[in-house]
């Protein structure tokens, strides 16, 4: 598994972060179900991001209590389409 920690701007609210995430997901033609909470990170929001009709899953977690955002690539869910998306997301969040 590989994680990419993503910056949470000091002036950004949770609503700001979620809006930026939704914009990025839509721009990259990704689909997802409603987020779930990870037991190990109470109050977190966790998504499985996918491309329709193609195997592979990219995980995205937001943990408001710690103001943390990260993406995870798991070996058993990796796919070529994921490629540089974690790095692109990092840059997008840094600029937004």
N, C-alpha and C. Protein backbone atom coordinates (compact mmCIF):
# COMPACT_ATOMS: atom_id res chain seq x y z
N UNK A 1 0.85 -1.18 0.00
CA UNK A 1 0.00 0.00 0.00
C UNK A 1 0.89 1.24 0.00
N UNK A 2 0.42 2.24 -0.69
CA UNK A 2 1.15 3.50 -0.75
C UNK A 2 0.18 4.64 -0.46
N UNK A 3 0.55 5.51 0.47
CA UNK A 3 -0.29 6.66 0.84
C UNK A 3 0.35 7.95 0.35
N UNK A 4 -0.50 8.87 -0.07
CA UNK A 4 -0.07 10.22 -0.42
C UNK A 4 -0.80 11.18 0.49
N UNK A 5 -0.08 11.81 1.39
CA UNK A 5 -0.66 12.81 2.30
C UNK A 5 -0.87 14.09 1.50
N UNK A 6 -2.03 14.71 1.68
CA UNK A 6 -2.42 15.88 0.91
C UNK A 6 -2.61 17.06 1.86
N UNK A 7 -2.15 18.25 1.47
CA UNK A 7 -2.26 19.40 2.38
C UNK A 7 -3.71 19.86 2.58
N UNK A 8 -4.01 20.26 3.79
CA UNK A 8 -5.30 20.89 4.13
C UNK A 8 -4.96 22.33 4.46
N UNK A 9 -5.32 23.24 3.56
CA UNK A 9 -4.99 24.65 3.79
C UNK A 9 -5.53 25.13 5.13
N UNK A 10 -4.77 25.96 5.79
CA UNK A 10 -5.14 26.42 7.13
C UNK A 10 -6.43 27.24 7.12
N UNK A 11 -6.74 27.89 6.01
CA UNK A 11 -7.95 28.72 5.95
C UNK A 11 -9.16 27.97 5.37
N UNK A 12 -9.02 26.68 5.09
CA UNK A 12 -10.11 25.92 4.47
C UNK A 12 -10.96 25.20 5.52
N UNK A 13 -12.27 25.36 5.39
CA UNK A 13 -13.20 24.63 6.25
C UNK A 13 -13.42 23.23 5.67
N UNK A 14 -14.08 22.38 6.43
CA UNK A 14 -14.42 21.05 5.93
C UNK A 14 -15.28 21.18 4.67
N UNK A 15 -16.22 22.11 4.67
CA UNK A 15 -17.09 22.30 3.51
C UNK A 15 -16.27 22.70 2.28
N UNK A 16 -15.26 23.56 2.48
CA UNK A 16 -14.37 23.95 1.39
C UNK A 16 -13.65 22.72 0.83
N UNK A 17 -13.09 21.92 1.72
CA UNK A 17 -12.34 20.73 1.32
C UNK A 17 -13.24 19.77 0.55
N UNK A 18 -14.44 19.54 1.05
CA UNK A 18 -15.35 18.60 0.38
C UNK A 18 -15.77 19.13 -0.99
N UNK A 19 -15.96 20.42 -1.12
CA UNK A 19 -16.31 21.01 -2.43
C UNK A 19 -15.16 20.83 -3.43
N UNK A 20 -13.95 21.07 -2.97
CA UNK A 20 -12.77 20.91 -3.84
C UNK A 20 -12.62 19.45 -4.26
N UNK A 21 -12.81 18.55 -3.32
CA UNK A 21 -12.71 17.12 -3.62
C UNK A 21 -13.75 16.73 -4.67
N UNK A 22 -14.98 17.17 -4.50
CA UNK A 22 -16.04 16.83 -5.45
C UNK A 22 -15.72 17.37 -6.84
N UNK A 23 -15.19 18.58 -6.91
CA UNK A 23 -14.80 19.17 -8.19
C UNK A 23 -13.71 18.32 -8.85
N UNK A 24 -12.70 17.94 -8.09
CA UNK A 24 -11.61 17.12 -8.63
C UNK A 24 -12.13 15.76 -9.11
N UNK A 25 -12.99 15.13 -8.33
CA UNK A 25 -13.56 13.83 -8.71
C UNK A 25 -14.30 13.96 -10.04
N UNK A 26 -15.11 14.99 -10.18
CA UNK A 26 -15.88 15.19 -11.42
C UNK A 26 -14.96 15.48 -12.60
N UNK A 27 -13.94 16.29 -12.41
CA UNK A 27 -13.00 16.62 -13.49
C UNK A 27 -12.24 15.41 -13.98
N UNK A 28 -12.07 14.43 -13.11
CA UNK A 28 -11.32 13.24 -13.48
C UNK A 28 -12.21 12.04 -13.82
N UNK A 29 -13.50 12.31 -14.00
CA UNK A 29 -14.45 11.28 -14.44
C UNK A 29 -14.42 10.04 -13.53
N UNK A 30 -14.41 10.29 -12.23
CA UNK A 30 -14.40 9.20 -11.26
C UNK A 30 -15.79 9.05 -10.66
N UNK A 31 -16.09 7.85 -10.22
CA UNK A 31 -17.36 7.61 -9.55
C UNK A 31 -17.07 7.13 -8.13
N UNK A 32 -18.08 7.28 -7.27
CA UNK A 32 -17.92 6.85 -5.88
C UNK A 32 -19.29 6.68 -5.25
N UNK A 33 -19.33 5.86 -4.23
CA UNK A 33 -20.53 5.74 -3.40
C UNK A 33 -20.40 6.77 -2.28
N UNK A 34 -21.43 6.90 -1.48
CA UNK A 34 -21.35 7.80 -0.34
C UNK A 34 -20.18 7.38 0.56
N UNK A 35 -19.51 8.35 1.18
CA UNK A 35 -18.38 8.01 2.04
C UNK A 35 -18.84 7.26 3.29
N UNK A 36 -17.93 6.47 3.81
CA UNK A 36 -18.15 5.75 5.06
C UNK A 36 -17.12 6.24 6.07
N UNK A 37 -17.33 5.93 7.33
CA UNK A 37 -16.38 6.28 8.38
C UNK A 37 -15.48 5.08 8.65
N UNK A 38 -14.18 5.33 8.73
CA UNK A 38 -13.24 4.28 9.09
C UNK A 38 -13.16 4.18 10.61
N UNK A 39 -13.32 2.99 11.15
CA UNK A 39 -13.30 2.80 12.61
C UNK A 39 -12.00 3.29 13.23
N UNK A 40 -10.91 3.14 12.51
CA UNK A 40 -9.61 3.53 13.07
C UNK A 40 -9.40 5.04 13.07
N UNK A 41 -10.27 5.78 12.35
CA UNK A 41 -10.19 7.24 12.28
C UNK A 41 -11.58 7.82 12.55
N UNK A 42 -11.98 7.91 13.82
CA UNK A 42 -13.33 8.35 14.16
C UNK A 42 -13.69 9.70 13.55
N UNK A 43 -14.85 9.76 12.92
CA UNK A 43 -15.32 10.98 12.29
C UNK A 43 -14.79 11.20 10.89
N UNK A 44 -14.03 10.22 10.38
CA UNK A 44 -13.44 10.36 9.04
C UNK A 44 -14.50 10.13 7.95
N UNK A 45 -14.15 10.57 6.75
CA UNK A 45 -14.94 10.30 5.55
C UNK A 45 -14.01 9.55 4.60
N UNK A 46 -14.47 8.41 4.09
CA UNK A 46 -13.62 7.54 3.27
C UNK A 46 -14.37 7.13 2.02
N UNK A 47 -13.75 7.37 0.86
CA UNK A 47 -14.36 7.03 -0.41
C UNK A 47 -13.51 5.98 -1.14
N UNK A 48 -14.18 5.17 -1.96
CA UNK A 48 -13.53 4.32 -2.94
C UNK A 48 -13.83 4.95 -4.29
N UNK A 49 -12.80 5.43 -4.96
CA UNK A 49 -12.95 6.10 -6.25
C UNK A 49 -12.67 5.11 -7.37
N UNK A 50 -13.54 5.12 -8.38
CA UNK A 50 -13.42 4.17 -9.48
C UNK A 50 -13.68 4.86 -10.81
N UNK A 51 -13.30 4.17 -11.88
CA UNK A 51 -13.68 4.56 -13.23
C UNK A 51 -14.69 3.51 -13.70
N UNK A 52 -15.77 3.99 -14.24
CA UNK A 52 -16.84 3.10 -14.67
C UNK A 52 -16.36 2.07 -15.69
N UNK A 53 -16.66 0.81 -15.42
CA UNK A 53 -16.35 -0.26 -16.35
C UNK A 53 -14.90 -0.71 -16.38
N UNK A 54 -14.06 -0.16 -15.50
CA UNK A 54 -12.64 -0.49 -15.48
C UNK A 54 -12.27 -0.92 -14.06
N UNK A 55 -11.45 -1.94 -13.94
CA UNK A 55 -11.04 -2.39 -12.61
C UNK A 55 -10.09 -1.37 -11.98
N UNK A 56 -10.00 -1.45 -10.66
CA UNK A 56 -9.11 -0.58 -9.90
C UNK A 56 -9.88 0.34 -8.97
N UNK A 57 -9.28 0.65 -7.84
CA UNK A 57 -9.89 1.53 -6.84
C UNK A 57 -8.80 2.38 -6.21
N UNK A 58 -9.09 3.66 -6.11
CA UNK A 58 -8.23 4.61 -5.41
C UNK A 58 -9.00 5.06 -4.18
N UNK A 59 -8.37 4.99 -3.01
CA UNK A 59 -9.05 5.36 -1.77
C UNK A 59 -8.69 6.78 -1.38
N UNK A 60 -9.68 7.49 -0.86
CA UNK A 60 -9.50 8.87 -0.41
C UNK A 60 -10.11 8.98 0.98
N UNK A 61 -9.34 9.53 1.91
CA UNK A 61 -9.81 9.69 3.30
C UNK A 61 -9.61 11.12 3.75
N UNK A 62 -10.63 11.67 4.39
CA UNK A 62 -10.57 12.98 5.02
C UNK A 62 -10.87 12.76 6.50
N UNK A 63 -9.98 13.25 7.36
CA UNK A 63 -10.17 13.11 8.80
C UNK A 63 -10.20 14.51 9.40
N UNK A 64 -11.39 15.08 9.52
CA UNK A 64 -11.53 16.46 9.98
C UNK A 64 -10.92 16.73 11.35
N UNK A 65 -11.03 15.79 12.27
CA UNK A 65 -10.54 16.01 13.63
C UNK A 65 -9.04 16.30 13.65
N UNK A 66 -8.31 15.73 12.70
CA UNK A 66 -6.86 15.94 12.62
C UNK A 66 -6.46 16.80 11.42
N UNK A 67 -7.48 17.29 10.69
CA UNK A 67 -7.25 18.09 9.47
C UNK A 67 -6.27 17.39 8.54
N UNK A 68 -6.57 16.11 8.28
CA UNK A 68 -5.73 15.28 7.41
C UNK A 68 -6.54 14.82 6.20
N UNK A 69 -5.85 14.74 5.07
CA UNK A 69 -6.41 14.19 3.84
C UNK A 69 -5.33 13.29 3.25
N UNK A 70 -5.71 12.09 2.81
CA UNK A 70 -4.74 11.25 2.14
C UNK A 70 -5.42 10.31 1.15
N UNK A 71 -4.63 9.88 0.17
CA UNK A 71 -5.05 8.90 -0.82
C UNK A 71 -4.24 7.65 -0.60
N UNK A 72 -4.88 6.50 -0.83
CA UNK A 72 -4.20 5.22 -0.67
C UNK A 72 -4.36 4.37 -1.92
N UNK A 73 -3.25 3.79 -2.33
CA UNK A 73 -3.24 2.81 -3.43
C UNK A 73 -2.89 1.47 -2.81
N UNK A 74 -3.75 0.50 -3.02
CA UNK A 74 -3.50 -0.85 -2.51
C UNK A 74 -3.10 -1.75 -3.69
N UNK A 75 -2.12 -2.59 -3.47
CA UNK A 75 -1.59 -3.43 -4.55
C UNK A 75 -2.69 -4.27 -5.21
N UNK A 76 -3.61 -4.79 -4.41
CA UNK A 76 -4.66 -5.65 -4.97
C UNK A 76 -5.78 -4.88 -5.65
N UNK A 77 -5.75 -3.54 -5.59
CA UNK A 77 -6.77 -2.71 -6.24
C UNK A 77 -6.16 -1.70 -7.21
N UNK A 78 -4.85 -1.79 -7.43
CA UNK A 78 -4.18 -0.83 -8.30
C UNK A 78 -4.54 -1.11 -9.76
N UNK A 79 -4.45 -0.09 -10.58
CA UNK A 79 -4.75 -0.22 -12.01
C UNK A 79 -4.01 0.89 -12.76
N UNK A 80 -3.74 0.66 -14.04
CA UNK A 80 -3.01 1.67 -14.82
C UNK A 80 -3.67 3.05 -14.83
N UNK A 81 -5.01 3.12 -14.81
CA UNK A 81 -5.67 4.42 -14.88
C UNK A 81 -5.38 5.29 -13.65
N UNK A 82 -5.00 4.67 -12.54
CA UNK A 82 -4.73 5.43 -11.32
C UNK A 82 -3.46 6.27 -11.51
N UNK A 83 -2.46 5.68 -12.15
CA UNK A 83 -1.24 6.39 -12.52
C UNK A 83 -0.82 7.50 -11.59
N UNK A 84 -0.87 8.72 -12.09
CA UNK A 84 -0.40 9.89 -11.36
C UNK A 84 -1.52 10.63 -10.62
N UNK A 85 -2.71 10.03 -10.53
CA UNK A 85 -3.82 10.74 -9.89
C UNK A 85 -3.52 11.21 -8.47
N UNK A 86 -2.87 10.40 -7.62
CA UNK A 86 -2.57 10.93 -6.27
C UNK A 86 -1.71 12.18 -6.30
N UNK A 87 -0.70 12.20 -7.17
CA UNK A 87 0.15 13.40 -7.27
C UNK A 87 -0.62 14.57 -7.86
N UNK A 88 -1.48 14.31 -8.84
CA UNK A 88 -2.30 15.37 -9.42
C UNK A 88 -3.26 15.94 -8.38
N UNK A 89 -3.84 15.05 -7.56
CA UNK A 89 -4.74 15.50 -6.50
C UNK A 89 -4.00 16.38 -5.50
N UNK A 90 -2.78 15.97 -5.14
CA UNK A 90 -1.95 16.76 -4.23
C UNK A 90 -1.76 18.17 -4.79
N UNK A 91 -1.39 18.27 -6.07
CA UNK A 91 -1.18 19.59 -6.67
C UNK A 91 -2.48 20.39 -6.74
N UNK A 92 -3.58 19.73 -7.08
CA UNK A 92 -4.87 20.40 -7.17
C UNK A 92 -5.28 20.97 -5.82
N UNK A 93 -5.13 20.20 -4.75
CA UNK A 93 -5.49 20.66 -3.41
C UNK A 93 -4.56 21.78 -2.96
N UNK A 94 -3.32 21.75 -3.37
CA UNK A 94 -2.36 22.78 -2.99
C UNK A 94 -2.70 24.13 -3.63
N UNK A 95 -3.26 24.08 -4.85
CA UNK A 95 -3.59 25.32 -5.58
C UNK A 95 -4.97 25.86 -5.23
N UNK A 96 -5.87 24.98 -4.79
CA UNK A 96 -7.27 25.38 -4.59
C UNK A 96 -7.50 26.02 -3.24
